[in-house]
């Protein structure tokens, strides 16, 4: 899946990775063996790092190429006023 030039899709992917990470961290409280809990925690941490990378690399304004704040429902860049739309 290509995310370059698609800030809305990047935001969706990043949010899904964060959600998966949080759900896995909740799963560490289940009755798993020590090795199972460690494996789930490592996977959750890896998903958290992947989400951070998606936000850092792809969540930016397509006009001024500066990073965007984490505001929900953002339709225009607060810095340059450019529309936040995915390239066709």
C-alpha atoms as a PDB file:
ATOM      1  CA  UNK A   1       0.000   0.000   0.000  1.00  0.00           C
ATOM      2  CA  UNK A   2       1.435   3.360  -1.016  1.00  0.00           C
ATOM      3  CA  UNK A   3       1.095   6.146   1.531  1.00  0.00           C
ATOM      4  CA  UNK A   4       3.252   8.835  -0.080  1.00  0.00           C
ATOM      5  CA  UNK A   5       1.004  11.693  -1.152  1.00  0.00           C
ATOM      6  CA  UNK A   6      -1.931  10.248   0.761  1.00  0.00           C
ATOM      7  CA  UNK A   7      -2.061  11.926   4.191  1.00  0.00           C
ATOM      8  CA  UNK A   8      -5.600  10.768   4.974  1.00  0.00           C
ATOM      9  CA  UNK A   9      -4.748   7.141   4.235  1.00  0.00           C
ATOM     10  CA  UNK A  10      -1.541   7.483   6.283  1.00  0.00           C
ATOM     11  CA  UNK A  11      -3.577   8.838   9.200  1.00  0.00           C
ATOM     12  CA  UNK A  12      -5.954   5.864   8.963  1.00  0.00           C
ATOM     13  CA  UNK A  13      -3.121   3.320   8.824  1.00  0.00           C
ATOM     14  CA  UNK A  14      -1.330   4.969  11.746  1.00  0.00           C
ATOM     15  CA  UNK A  15      -4.480   5.002  13.857  1.00  0.00           C
ATOM     16  CA  UNK A  16      -5.182   1.338  13.078  1.00  0.00           C
ATOM     17  CA  UNK A  17      -1.644   0.393  14.102  1.00  0.00           C
ATOM     18  CA  UNK A  18      -2.042   2.316  17.367  1.00  0.00           C
ATOM     19  CA  UNK A  19      -5.358   0.605  18.048  1.00  0.00           C
ATOM     20  CA  UNK A  20      -3.875  -2.834  17.364  1.00  0.00           C
ATOM     21  CA  UNK A  21      -0.980  -2.044  19.693  1.00  0.00           C
ATOM     22  CA  UNK A  22      -3.319  -0.993  22.500  1.00  0.00           C
ATOM     23  CA  UNK A  23      -5.484  -4.091  22.039  1.00  0.00           C
ATOM     24  CA  UNK A  24      -2.411  -6.311  22.207  1.00  0.00           C
ATOM     25  CA  UNK A  25      -1.251  -4.569  25.366  1.00  0.00           C
ATOM     26  CA  UNK A  26      -4.653  -5.306  26.883  1.00  0.00           C
ATOM     27  CA  UNK A  27      -4.062  -8.928  25.899  1.00  0.00           C
ATOM     28  CA  UNK A  28      -0.951  -9.077  28.068  1.00  0.00           C
ATOM     29  CA  UNK A  29      -3.248  -9.167  31.103  1.00  0.00           C
ATOM     30  CA  UNK A  30      -4.726 -12.479  29.996  1.00  0.00           C
ATOM     31  CA  UNK A  31      -3.544 -15.694  31.568  1.00  0.00           C
ATOM     32  CA  UNK A  32      -0.604 -16.402  29.281  1.00  0.00           C
ATOM     33  CA  UNK A  33       2.713 -17.972  30.071  1.00  0.00           C
ATOM     34  CA  UNK A  34       5.639 -15.646  30.723  1.00  0.00           C
ATOM     35  CA  UNK A  35       6.982 -16.293  27.228  1.00  0.00           C
ATOM     36  CA  UNK A  36       3.545 -15.628  25.732  1.00  0.00           C
ATOM     37  CA  UNK A  37       3.187 -12.332  27.563  1.00  0.00           C
ATOM     38  CA  UNK A  38       6.660 -11.284  26.496  1.00  0.00           C
ATOM     39  CA  UNK A  39       5.915 -12.125  22.859  1.00  0.00           C
ATOM     40  CA  UNK A  40       2.649 -10.170  22.910  1.00  0.00           C
ATOM     41  CA  UNK A  41       4.362  -7.192  24.556  1.00  0.00           C
ATOM     42  CA  UNK A  42       7.154  -7.192  21.955  1.00  0.00           C
ATOM     43  CA  UNK A  43       4.617  -7.348  19.122  1.00  0.00           C
ATOM     44  CA  UNK A  44       2.608  -4.493  20.663  1.00  0.00           C
ATOM     45  CA  UNK A  45       5.765  -2.393  20.994  1.00  0.00           C
ATOM     46  CA  UNK A  46       6.689  -3.118  17.343  1.00  0.00           C
ATOM     47  CA  UNK A  47       3.231  -1.981  16.211  1.00  0.00           C
ATOM     48  CA  UNK A  48       3.597   1.170  18.293  1.00  0.00           C
ATOM     49  CA  UNK A  49       6.939   1.950  16.613  1.00  0.00           C
ATOM     50  CA  UNK A  50       5.401   1.259  13.169  1.00  0.00           C
ATOM     51  CA  UNK A  51       2.547   3.678  13.915  1.00  0.00           C
ATOM     52  CA  UNK A  52       4.997   6.378  15.003  1.00  0.00           C
ATOM     53  CA  UNK A  53       6.999   5.903  11.794  1.00  0.00           C
ATOM     54  CA  UNK A  54       3.862   6.171   9.648  1.00  0.00           C
ATOM     55  CA  UNK A  55       2.913   9.426  11.355  1.00  0.00           C
ATOM     56  CA  UNK A  56       6.430  10.872  11.137  1.00  0.00           C
ATOM     57  CA  UNK A  57       7.018   9.916   7.509  1.00  0.00           C
ATOM     58  CA  UNK A  58       3.605  10.364   5.885  1.00  0.00           C
ATOM     59  CA  UNK A  59       1.348  12.633   8.000  1.00  0.00           C
ATOM     60  CA  UNK A  60       2.278  15.973   6.466  1.00  0.00           C
ATOM     61  CA  UNK A  61       0.704  18.694   4.360  1.00  0.00           C
ATOM     62  CA  UNK A  62       0.827  17.937   0.632  1.00  0.00           C
ATOM     63  CA  UNK A  63       1.289  21.664  -0.107  1.00  0.00           C
ATOM     64  CA  UNK A  64       3.970  22.905   2.305  1.00  0.00           C
ATOM     65  CA  UNK A  65       5.311  19.427   3.290  1.00  0.00           C
ATOM     66  CA  UNK A  66       5.395  20.321   6.989  1.00  0.00           C
ATOM     67  CA  UNK A  67       4.176  17.951   9.666  1.00  0.00           C
ATOM     68  CA  UNK A  68       0.533  18.164  10.668  1.00  0.00           C
ATOM     69  CA  UNK A  69      -0.833  18.214  14.207  1.00  0.00           C
ATOM     70  CA  UNK A  70      -2.774  15.219  15.476  1.00  0.00           C
ATOM     71  CA  UNK A  71      -6.132  16.970  15.228  1.00  0.00           C
ATOM     72  CA  UNK A  72      -9.087  14.817  14.219  1.00  0.00           C
ATOM     73  CA  UNK A  73     -11.097  15.966  11.235  1.00  0.00           C
ATOM     74  CA  UNK A  74      -8.303  18.161   9.897  1.00  0.00           C
ATOM     75  CA  UNK A  75      -9.282  19.382   6.423  1.00  0.00           C
ATOM     76  CA  UNK A  76      -6.848  22.280   5.945  1.00  0.00           C
ATOM     77  CA  UNK A  77      -3.232  22.785   6.948  1.00  0.00           C
ATOM     78  CA  UNK A  78      -3.058  25.186   9.913  1.00  0.00           C
ATOM     79  CA  UNK A  79       0.214  26.629   8.563  1.00  0.00           C
ATOM     80  CA  UNK A  80      -0.409  27.252   4.857  1.00  0.00           C
ATOM     81  CA  UNK A  81      -4.180  26.720   4.508  1.00  0.00           C
ATOM     82  CA  UNK A  82      -3.757  24.006   1.861  1.00  0.00           C
ATOM     83  CA  UNK A  83      -6.404  21.293   1.620  1.00  0.00           C
ATOM     84  CA  UNK A  84      -5.490  17.945   3.183  1.00  0.00           C
ATOM     85  CA  UNK A  85      -6.500  15.590   0.377  1.00  0.00           C
ATOM     86  CA  UNK A  86      -5.060  12.379  -0.955  1.00  0.00           C
ATOM     87  CA  UNK A  87      -3.532  12.443  -4.426  1.00  0.00           C
ATOM     88  CA  UNK A  88      -5.646  10.585  -6.984  1.00  0.00           C
END
